N, C-alpha and C. Protein backbone atom coordinates (compact mmCIF):
# COMPACT_ATOMS: atom_id res chain seq x y z
N MET A 1 80.09 95.62 107.77
CA MET A 1 80.65 96.11 109.04
C MET A 1 82.20 96.00 108.99
N SER A 2 82.89 97.03 109.46
CA SER A 2 84.36 97.00 109.44
C SER A 2 84.85 96.09 110.58
N ARG A 3 86.08 95.60 110.30
CA ARG A 3 86.74 94.72 111.34
C ARG A 3 86.92 95.46 112.64
N GLU A 4 87.09 96.76 112.54
CA GLU A 4 87.41 97.46 113.79
C GLU A 4 86.15 97.65 114.73
N ALA A 5 84.96 97.32 114.26
CA ALA A 5 83.77 97.37 115.07
C ALA A 5 83.98 96.64 116.35
N GLY A 6 83.63 97.30 117.43
CA GLY A 6 83.73 96.57 118.71
C GLY A 6 85.13 96.58 119.45
N ILE A 7 85.98 97.32 118.88
CA ILE A 7 87.28 97.46 119.57
C ILE A 7 87.25 98.70 120.52
N ASP A 8 87.18 98.44 121.75
CA ASP A 8 87.18 99.53 122.72
C ASP A 8 88.60 99.89 123.23
N ARG A 9 88.66 100.70 124.18
CA ARG A 9 89.96 101.21 124.65
C ARG A 9 90.81 100.05 125.20
N ILE A 10 90.25 99.07 125.95
CA ILE A 10 90.97 98.02 126.49
C ILE A 10 91.46 97.11 125.36
N ASP A 11 90.60 96.80 124.38
CA ASP A 11 91.04 96.01 123.25
C ASP A 11 92.25 96.65 122.56
N ALA A 12 92.18 97.94 122.36
CA ALA A 12 93.27 98.74 121.66
C ALA A 12 94.51 98.62 122.51
N GLU A 13 94.45 98.70 123.82
CA GLU A 13 95.62 98.50 124.66
C GLU A 13 96.24 97.16 124.58
N ILE A 14 95.38 96.15 124.53
CA ILE A 14 95.84 94.75 124.30
C ILE A 14 96.55 94.57 122.98
N VAL A 15 95.96 95.16 121.91
CA VAL A 15 96.49 95.05 120.57
C VAL A 15 97.89 95.71 120.52
N VAL A 16 98.03 96.94 121.10
CA VAL A 16 99.29 97.59 121.05
C VAL A 16 100.39 96.81 121.94
N ALA A 17 99.94 96.44 123.10
CA ALA A 17 100.89 95.75 123.97
C ALA A 17 101.43 94.43 123.36
N LEU A 18 100.53 93.62 122.72
CA LEU A 18 100.95 92.39 122.17
C LEU A 18 101.83 92.63 120.89
N GLN A 19 101.59 93.71 120.18
CA GLN A 19 102.48 93.98 119.00
C GLN A 19 103.85 94.33 119.46
N ARG A 20 103.93 95.03 120.58
CA ARG A 20 105.27 95.45 121.06
C ARG A 20 105.97 94.29 121.78
N HIS A 21 105.20 93.39 122.43
CA HIS A 21 105.78 92.29 123.18
C HIS A 21 104.98 91.08 123.08
N ALA A 22 105.11 90.36 121.89
CA ALA A 22 104.22 89.21 121.58
C ALA A 22 104.35 88.11 122.62
N ARG A 23 105.44 88.05 123.35
CA ARG A 23 105.68 86.94 124.33
C ARG A 23 105.24 87.35 125.71
N LEU A 24 104.54 88.47 125.84
CA LEU A 24 104.00 88.89 127.13
C LEU A 24 103.14 87.79 127.72
N SER A 25 103.29 87.45 128.95
CA SER A 25 102.45 86.48 129.56
C SER A 25 101.03 87.08 129.70
N ASN A 26 100.04 86.18 129.74
CA ASN A 26 98.60 86.70 129.97
C ASN A 26 98.50 87.44 131.30
N LYS A 27 99.20 86.91 132.33
CA LYS A 27 99.23 87.56 133.63
C LYS A 27 99.78 89.01 133.54
N ASP A 28 100.89 89.13 132.84
CA ASP A 28 101.52 90.50 132.74
C ASP A 28 100.67 91.38 131.86
N LEU A 29 100.12 90.79 130.76
CA LEU A 29 99.29 91.66 129.90
C LEU A 29 98.01 92.10 130.64
N ALA A 30 97.44 91.18 131.41
CA ALA A 30 96.22 91.55 132.27
C ALA A 30 96.55 92.69 133.23
N GLU A 31 97.70 92.62 133.90
CA GLU A 31 98.08 93.63 134.76
C GLU A 31 98.22 94.96 134.06
N ARG A 32 98.94 94.89 132.87
CA ARG A 32 99.17 96.13 132.12
C ARG A 32 97.89 96.90 131.69
N VAL A 33 96.87 96.07 131.34
CA VAL A 33 95.64 96.75 130.83
C VAL A 33 94.55 96.87 131.96
N GLY A 34 94.83 96.38 133.12
CA GLY A 34 93.92 96.46 134.22
C GLY A 34 92.69 95.52 134.27
N LEU A 35 93.00 94.29 133.86
CA LEU A 35 91.91 93.28 133.80
C LEU A 35 92.34 92.05 134.63
N ALA A 36 91.36 91.28 135.05
CA ALA A 36 91.67 89.98 135.64
C ALA A 36 92.25 89.10 134.57
N PRO A 37 93.19 88.16 134.82
CA PRO A 37 93.78 87.31 133.83
C PRO A 37 92.75 86.54 132.97
N SER A 38 91.69 86.06 133.58
CA SER A 38 90.69 85.28 132.83
C SER A 38 89.93 86.16 131.84
N THR A 39 89.60 87.38 132.25
CA THR A 39 88.95 88.34 131.34
C THR A 39 89.88 88.71 130.21
N CYS A 40 91.20 88.97 130.51
CA CYS A 40 92.13 89.30 129.57
C CYS A 40 92.35 88.26 128.44
N LEU A 41 92.38 87.00 128.92
CA LEU A 41 92.65 85.90 128.00
C LEU A 41 91.40 85.75 127.06
N GLU A 42 90.17 85.99 127.60
CA GLU A 42 89.02 85.96 126.72
C GLU A 42 89.00 87.09 125.74
N ARG A 43 89.50 88.26 126.14
CA ARG A 43 89.54 89.37 125.25
C ARG A 43 90.56 88.99 124.06
N VAL A 44 91.73 88.45 124.41
CA VAL A 44 92.67 88.11 123.39
C VAL A 44 92.09 87.11 122.46
N ARG A 45 91.48 86.02 122.97
CA ARG A 45 90.80 85.01 122.17
C ARG A 45 89.73 85.66 121.19
N SER A 46 88.97 86.63 121.74
CA SER A 46 87.96 87.31 120.93
C SER A 46 88.63 88.07 119.81
N LEU A 47 89.77 88.75 120.12
CA LEU A 47 90.49 89.50 119.05
C LEU A 47 91.02 88.55 117.99
N VAL A 48 91.45 87.38 118.38
CA VAL A 48 91.86 86.38 117.37
C VAL A 48 90.73 85.93 116.50
N ARG A 49 89.59 85.55 117.21
CA ARG A 49 88.40 85.12 116.50
C ARG A 49 87.91 86.12 115.43
N ARG A 50 87.96 87.39 115.86
CA ARG A 50 87.43 88.45 114.94
C ARG A 50 88.41 88.90 113.89
N GLY A 51 89.62 88.24 113.87
CA GLY A 51 90.62 88.55 112.81
C GLY A 51 91.42 89.84 113.06
N VAL A 52 91.35 90.39 114.23
CA VAL A 52 92.21 91.53 114.56
C VAL A 52 93.67 91.07 114.60
N PHE A 53 93.92 89.92 115.32
CA PHE A 53 95.21 89.30 115.32
C PHE A 53 95.21 88.25 114.25
N THR A 54 96.14 88.41 113.32
CA THR A 54 96.21 87.39 112.23
C THR A 54 97.29 86.39 112.43
N GLY A 55 98.13 86.53 113.48
CA GLY A 55 99.21 85.61 113.76
C GLY A 55 100.09 86.19 114.77
N PHE A 56 100.91 85.28 115.33
CA PHE A 56 101.97 85.69 116.23
C PHE A 56 103.28 85.07 115.72
N ARG A 57 104.32 85.95 115.55
CA ARG A 57 105.49 85.47 114.94
C ARG A 57 106.71 86.15 115.49
N ALA A 58 107.87 85.55 115.30
CA ALA A 58 109.11 86.16 115.76
C ALA A 58 109.67 87.02 114.58
N GLU A 59 110.13 88.22 114.94
CA GLU A 59 110.82 89.08 113.88
C GLU A 59 112.30 88.56 113.74
N VAL A 60 112.68 88.51 112.55
CA VAL A 60 114.07 87.96 112.19
C VAL A 60 114.79 89.01 111.42
N ASP A 61 116.15 89.12 111.76
CA ASP A 61 117.01 90.05 111.00
C ASP A 61 117.42 89.25 109.67
N PRO A 62 117.01 89.69 108.56
CA PRO A 62 117.39 88.98 107.25
C PRO A 62 118.89 88.83 107.09
N ALA A 63 119.73 89.75 107.59
CA ALA A 63 121.12 89.68 107.41
C ALA A 63 121.72 88.44 108.20
N ALA A 64 121.04 88.17 109.37
CA ALA A 64 121.44 87.07 110.18
C ALA A 64 121.28 85.73 109.47
N LEU A 65 120.40 85.74 108.43
CA LEU A 65 120.08 84.53 107.69
C LEU A 65 120.72 84.54 106.25
N GLY A 66 121.77 85.39 106.13
CA GLY A 66 122.52 85.44 104.84
C GLY A 66 121.93 86.39 103.80
N ARG A 67 121.02 87.23 104.22
CA ARG A 67 120.33 88.08 103.26
C ARG A 67 120.75 89.51 103.56
N GLY A 68 122.06 89.83 103.25
CA GLY A 68 122.61 91.11 103.52
C GLY A 68 122.14 92.26 102.63
N VAL A 69 121.55 91.86 101.46
CA VAL A 69 121.09 92.88 100.54
C VAL A 69 119.55 92.62 100.41
N GLN A 70 118.80 93.76 100.59
CA GLN A 70 117.35 93.69 100.31
C GLN A 70 117.05 94.61 99.17
N ALA A 71 115.98 94.28 98.40
CA ALA A 71 115.52 95.11 97.39
C ALA A 71 114.00 94.97 97.30
N VAL A 72 113.39 95.90 96.59
CA VAL A 72 111.98 95.83 96.22
C VAL A 72 111.99 95.82 94.65
N VAL A 73 111.37 94.75 94.11
CA VAL A 73 111.31 94.63 92.63
C VAL A 73 109.94 94.93 92.18
N ALA A 74 109.73 96.00 91.45
CA ALA A 74 108.46 96.31 90.84
C ALA A 74 108.26 95.45 89.56
N VAL A 75 107.11 94.72 89.51
CA VAL A 75 106.84 93.83 88.45
C VAL A 75 105.62 94.22 87.67
N ARG A 76 105.68 94.29 86.41
CA ARG A 76 104.51 94.55 85.51
C ARG A 76 104.19 93.34 84.76
N LEU A 77 102.91 92.91 84.83
CA LEU A 77 102.42 91.72 84.10
C LEU A 77 101.96 92.12 82.76
N ARG A 78 101.85 91.12 81.86
CA ARG A 78 101.37 91.29 80.50
C ARG A 78 99.85 91.55 80.48
N THR A 79 99.18 90.79 81.17
CA THR A 79 97.67 90.92 81.34
C THR A 79 97.28 90.94 82.81
N HIS A 80 96.07 91.15 83.12
CA HIS A 80 95.58 91.32 84.48
C HIS A 80 94.46 90.38 84.83
N SER A 81 94.46 89.24 84.22
CA SER A 81 93.42 88.22 84.55
C SER A 81 93.74 87.71 85.96
N ARG A 82 92.61 87.33 86.61
CA ARG A 82 92.78 86.76 88.02
C ARG A 82 93.76 85.61 88.03
N ALA A 83 93.60 84.74 87.10
CA ALA A 83 94.44 83.53 87.03
C ALA A 83 95.90 83.95 86.92
N GLU A 84 96.26 84.91 86.11
CA GLU A 84 97.61 85.32 85.95
C GLU A 84 98.16 86.00 87.23
N VAL A 85 97.34 86.88 87.76
CA VAL A 85 97.67 87.57 88.94
C VAL A 85 97.92 86.57 90.14
N ASP A 86 97.04 85.64 90.34
CA ASP A 86 97.09 84.73 91.38
C ASP A 86 98.29 83.80 91.15
N ALA A 87 98.64 83.41 89.84
CA ALA A 87 99.71 82.50 89.54
C ALA A 87 101.02 83.21 89.84
N PHE A 88 101.12 84.47 89.50
CA PHE A 88 102.45 85.20 89.75
C PHE A 88 102.61 85.40 91.25
N ARG A 89 101.58 85.77 91.99
CA ARG A 89 101.64 85.96 93.45
C ARG A 89 102.16 84.69 94.14
N ASP A 90 101.52 83.50 93.76
CA ASP A 90 101.93 82.20 94.36
C ASP A 90 103.34 81.84 93.95
N PHE A 91 103.73 82.11 92.71
CA PHE A 91 105.11 81.87 92.24
C PHE A 91 106.09 82.64 93.08
N ALA A 92 105.87 83.94 93.18
CA ALA A 92 106.73 84.88 93.92
C ALA A 92 106.94 84.45 95.32
N LEU A 93 105.78 84.05 95.99
CA LEU A 93 105.85 83.61 97.36
C LEU A 93 106.64 82.35 97.58
N SER A 94 106.72 81.53 96.53
CA SER A 94 107.34 80.26 96.63
C SER A 94 108.86 80.36 96.51
N LEU A 95 109.35 81.50 96.09
CA LEU A 95 110.82 81.67 95.96
C LEU A 95 111.50 81.92 97.23
N PRO A 96 112.58 81.25 97.58
CA PRO A 96 113.20 81.45 98.79
C PRO A 96 113.76 82.84 99.13
N GLU A 97 114.05 83.59 98.14
CA GLU A 97 114.53 84.97 98.33
C GLU A 97 113.41 85.96 98.71
N THR A 98 112.14 85.60 98.50
CA THR A 98 111.02 86.51 98.71
C THR A 98 110.78 86.68 100.25
N ILE A 99 110.64 87.93 100.65
CA ILE A 99 110.25 88.30 102.02
C ILE A 99 108.75 88.54 102.03
N ALA A 100 108.27 89.35 101.10
CA ALA A 100 106.87 89.73 100.96
C ALA A 100 106.44 90.09 99.53
N VAL A 101 105.18 89.83 99.30
CA VAL A 101 104.70 90.27 97.94
C VAL A 101 103.43 91.11 98.17
N THR A 102 103.42 92.25 97.42
CA THR A 102 102.26 93.23 97.56
C THR A 102 101.70 93.48 96.20
N HIS A 103 100.50 93.19 95.99
CA HIS A 103 99.77 93.46 94.77
C HIS A 103 99.24 94.87 94.82
N VAL A 104 99.67 95.70 93.78
CA VAL A 104 99.39 97.18 93.84
C VAL A 104 98.69 97.60 92.61
N GLY A 105 98.08 98.81 92.68
CA GLY A 105 97.48 99.44 91.52
C GLY A 105 98.50 100.46 90.99
N GLY A 106 98.31 100.88 89.75
CA GLY A 106 99.20 101.82 89.14
C GLY A 106 99.97 101.18 87.97
N ALA A 107 101.14 101.76 87.64
CA ALA A 107 101.91 101.34 86.52
C ALA A 107 102.43 99.91 86.74
N ASP A 108 102.79 99.58 87.99
CA ASP A 108 103.30 98.21 88.26
C ASP A 108 102.18 97.40 88.89
N ASP A 109 102.28 96.07 88.90
CA ASP A 109 101.32 95.14 89.45
C ASP A 109 101.68 94.60 90.71
N PHE A 110 102.98 94.38 90.95
CA PHE A 110 103.45 93.81 92.22
C PHE A 110 104.71 94.49 92.66
N LEU A 111 104.83 94.53 93.96
CA LEU A 111 106.14 94.88 94.60
C LEU A 111 106.62 93.62 95.35
N VAL A 112 107.78 93.07 94.95
CA VAL A 112 108.28 91.91 95.54
C VAL A 112 109.45 92.26 96.37
N HIS A 113 109.37 92.15 97.74
CA HIS A 113 110.39 92.49 98.64
C HIS A 113 111.30 91.22 98.75
N VAL A 114 112.56 91.35 98.44
CA VAL A 114 113.47 90.21 98.48
C VAL A 114 114.68 90.44 99.35
N GLY A 115 115.21 89.40 99.86
CA GLY A 115 116.51 89.47 100.64
C GLY A 115 117.47 88.45 100.00
N VAL A 116 118.64 88.89 99.60
CA VAL A 116 119.59 88.03 98.93
C VAL A 116 121.04 88.32 99.54
N ALA A 117 121.91 87.35 99.18
CA ALA A 117 123.28 87.44 99.73
C ALA A 117 124.07 88.69 99.29
N ASP A 118 123.92 89.07 98.00
CA ASP A 118 124.72 90.08 97.49
C ASP A 118 124.11 90.62 96.12
N THR A 119 124.70 91.61 95.54
CA THR A 119 124.08 92.13 94.29
C THR A 119 124.11 91.16 93.11
N HIS A 120 125.09 90.28 93.13
CA HIS A 120 125.17 89.26 92.10
C HIS A 120 123.93 88.32 92.20
N HIS A 121 123.67 87.93 93.46
CA HIS A 121 122.49 87.11 93.71
C HIS A 121 121.25 87.86 93.26
N LEU A 122 121.15 89.15 93.59
CA LEU A 122 120.01 89.91 93.13
C LEU A 122 119.85 89.87 91.63
N ARG A 123 120.90 90.17 90.93
CA ARG A 123 120.83 90.12 89.48
C ARG A 123 120.38 88.72 88.97
N ASP A 124 120.98 87.68 89.52
CA ASP A 124 120.58 86.27 89.07
C ASP A 124 119.12 86.02 89.40
N PHE A 125 118.68 86.47 90.59
CA PHE A 125 117.30 86.29 90.97
C PHE A 125 116.36 86.98 90.02
N ALA A 126 116.68 88.24 89.63
CA ALA A 126 115.74 88.91 88.70
C ALA A 126 115.76 88.28 87.33
N LEU A 127 116.94 87.87 86.85
CA LEU A 127 117.04 87.34 85.44
C LEU A 127 116.57 85.90 85.42
N ASP A 128 116.92 85.07 86.40
CA ASP A 128 116.58 83.69 86.33
C ASP A 128 115.25 83.32 86.84
N SER A 129 114.78 84.07 87.81
CA SER A 129 113.47 83.73 88.44
C SER A 129 112.27 84.56 87.85
N LEU A 130 112.45 85.86 87.99
CA LEU A 130 111.30 86.68 87.65
C LEU A 130 111.10 86.82 86.13
N THR A 131 112.17 87.16 85.40
CA THR A 131 111.98 87.28 83.93
C THR A 131 111.76 85.96 83.18
N SER A 132 111.91 84.84 83.89
CA SER A 132 111.57 83.55 83.22
C SER A 132 110.09 83.35 83.14
N ARG A 133 109.31 84.08 83.74
CA ARG A 133 107.89 83.96 83.72
C ARG A 133 107.30 84.63 82.50
N PRO A 134 106.49 83.94 81.68
CA PRO A 134 105.98 84.55 80.45
C PRO A 134 105.06 85.78 80.73
N GLU A 135 104.37 85.82 81.83
CA GLU A 135 103.51 86.97 82.13
C GLU A 135 104.18 88.24 82.51
N VAL A 136 105.49 88.15 82.86
CA VAL A 136 106.24 89.33 83.27
C VAL A 136 106.79 90.10 82.08
N VAL A 137 106.44 91.33 81.91
CA VAL A 137 106.89 92.18 80.86
C VAL A 137 107.91 93.30 81.27
N HIS A 138 107.96 93.62 82.54
CA HIS A 138 108.85 94.68 82.98
C HIS A 138 109.21 94.50 84.43
N LEU A 139 110.49 94.78 84.76
CA LEU A 139 110.97 94.77 86.17
C LEU A 139 111.69 96.13 86.42
N GLU A 140 111.61 96.55 87.65
CA GLU A 140 112.40 97.70 88.06
C GLU A 140 112.78 97.37 89.55
N THR A 141 114.06 97.41 89.72
CA THR A 141 114.58 96.98 91.09
C THR A 141 115.16 98.18 91.87
N ARG A 142 114.77 98.27 93.11
CA ARG A 142 115.22 99.30 94.04
C ARG A 142 115.87 98.64 95.16
N LEU A 143 117.09 99.14 95.51
CA LEU A 143 117.83 98.59 96.69
C LEU A 143 117.16 99.28 97.91
N VAL A 144 117.04 98.41 98.94
CA VAL A 144 116.59 98.91 100.23
C VAL A 144 117.84 99.20 101.12
N PHE A 145 117.93 100.45 101.53
CA PHE A 145 119.03 100.80 102.40
C PHE A 145 118.70 100.58 103.83
N GLU A 146 117.44 100.83 104.16
CA GLU A 146 117.02 100.68 105.60
C GLU A 146 115.49 100.30 105.52
N HIS A 147 115.07 99.35 106.33
CA HIS A 147 113.69 99.01 106.48
C HIS A 147 113.33 99.07 107.92
N VAL A 148 112.50 100.00 108.25
CA VAL A 148 112.03 100.20 109.69
C VAL A 148 110.57 99.99 109.78
N ARG A 149 110.14 99.26 110.70
CA ARG A 149 108.70 99.04 110.82
C ARG A 149 108.25 99.66 112.20
N LYS A 150 107.12 100.28 112.20
CA LYS A 150 106.52 100.79 113.46
C LYS A 150 106.41 99.63 114.40
N PRO A 151 106.64 99.89 115.70
CA PRO A 151 106.51 98.81 116.64
C PRO A 151 105.11 98.36 116.92
N ALA A 152 104.14 99.25 116.67
CA ALA A 152 102.71 98.80 116.86
C ALA A 152 101.78 99.77 116.08
N LEU A 153 100.75 99.18 115.48
CA LEU A 153 99.66 99.92 114.94
C LEU A 153 98.52 100.09 115.91
N GLU A 154 97.98 101.28 115.94
CA GLU A 154 96.87 101.58 116.82
C GLU A 154 95.63 101.79 115.97
N PRO A 155 94.46 101.53 116.50
CA PRO A 155 93.24 101.88 115.73
C PRO A 155 93.17 103.32 115.48
N LEU A 156 92.77 103.71 114.27
CA LEU A 156 92.63 105.11 113.87
C LEU A 156 91.39 105.68 114.55
N ALA A 157 91.56 106.96 115.03
CA ALA A 157 90.42 107.64 115.61
C ALA A 157 89.58 108.16 114.50
N ARG A 158 88.22 108.19 114.62
CA ARG A 158 87.37 108.65 113.60
C ARG A 158 86.56 109.81 114.09
């Protein structure tokens, strides 16, 4: 059964509203979606239990934290054993420069989104951190000029 099973119109409105305004009070959310506050709170709790909401967090501007340069580093591994893939993913996530790690199919195995102070820091990160791993056989770095995220995902109509 897919995760989206059981998401009705009201649940979808709750999902979109909280993605756009995670700090929205339950009272305001209930009013927005046309529910009593107690019913709305139970709907939100149900969405959390079912894994629709995976967390609530604050969005941060990387530049405000000294990460004025962002890049996506494509990483190719020597082999594709589960142990090697898991070890590299965990290693990449442990690095302070890492923003996100995506395991992908195709010519590359991982896309590592990083935020660094400047291009010298990016070069040092690639050479000292990523290429120091014996399982890494190839890197390709792409500078990020702009990163824009949609304000909210909605369930896809079928």
